[in-house]
Amino acid sequence: HVAEAASCPPTIRVTVAEFVEQPHDTLELHE
């Protein structure tokens, strides 16, 4: 998994990390 993350652009890594770390409840609150 580390090798795959290293091959991705930093922007994608940050976006995926934030999406995975955020609980689904948080996404509903934003709506």
C-alpha atoms as a PDB file:
ATOM      1  CA  HIS A   1       0.000   0.000   0.000  1.00  0.00           C
ATOM      2  CA  VAL A   2       2.877   2.370   0.744  1.00  0.00           C
ATOM      3  CA  ALA A   3       4.281   1.870  -2.754  1.00  0.00           C
ATOM      4  CA  GLU A   4       0.878   2.654  -4.287  1.00  0.00           C
ATOM      5  CA  ALA A   5       0.516   5.834  -2.224  1.00  0.00           C
ATOM      6  CA  ALA A   6       4.021   6.971  -3.171  1.00  0.00           C
ATOM      7  CA  SER A   7       3.189   6.598  -6.863  1.00  0.00           C
ATOM      8  CA  CYS A   8       0.110   8.827  -6.511  1.00  0.00           C
ATOM      9  CA  PRO A   9       0.308  12.635  -6.612  1.00  0.00           C
ATOM     10  CA  PRO A  10       0.327  14.300  -3.151  1.00  0.00           C
ATOM     11  CA  THR A  11      -3.081  15.850  -3.814  1.00  0.00           C
ATOM     12  CA  ILE A  12      -4.702  12.460  -4.349  1.00  0.00           C
ATOM     13  CA  ARG A  13      -2.995  11.003  -1.277  1.00  0.00           C
ATOM     14  CA  VAL A  14      -4.298  13.828   0.921  1.00  0.00           C
ATOM     15  CA  THR A  15      -7.807  13.599  -0.527  1.00  0.00           C
ATOM     16  CA  VAL A  16      -7.975   9.842   0.007  1.00  0.00           C
ATOM     17  CA  ALA A  17      -6.532  10.136   3.519  1.00  0.00           C
ATOM     18  CA  GLU A  18      -9.088  12.776   4.517  1.00  0.00           C
ATOM     19  CA  PHE A  19     -11.956  10.822   2.963  1.00  0.00           C
ATOM     20  CA  VAL A  20     -10.967   7.607   4.745  1.00  0.00           C
ATOM     21  CA  GLU A  21     -10.394   9.335   8.085  1.00  0.00           C
ATOM     22  CA  GLN A  22     -13.673  11.264   8.011  1.00  0.00           C
ATOM     23  CA  PRO A  23     -16.648   9.419   9.535  1.00  0.00           C
ATOM     24  CA  HIS A  24     -19.738   9.178   7.359  1.00  0.00           C
ATOM     25  CA  ASP A  25     -21.624  11.150  10.025  1.00  0.00           C
ATOM     26  CA  THR A  26     -19.330  14.128   9.433  1.00  0.00           C
ATOM     27  CA  LEU A  27     -20.190  14.113   5.731  1.00  0.00           C
ATOM     28  CA  GLU A  28     -23.899  14.124   6.573  1.00  0.00           C
ATOM     29  CA  LEU A  29     -23.466  17.079   8.941  1.00  0.00           C
ATOM     30  CA  HIS A  30     -21.887  19.117   6.135  1.00  0.00           C
ATOM     31  CA  GLU A  31     -24.997  18.504   4.044  1.00  0.00           C
END
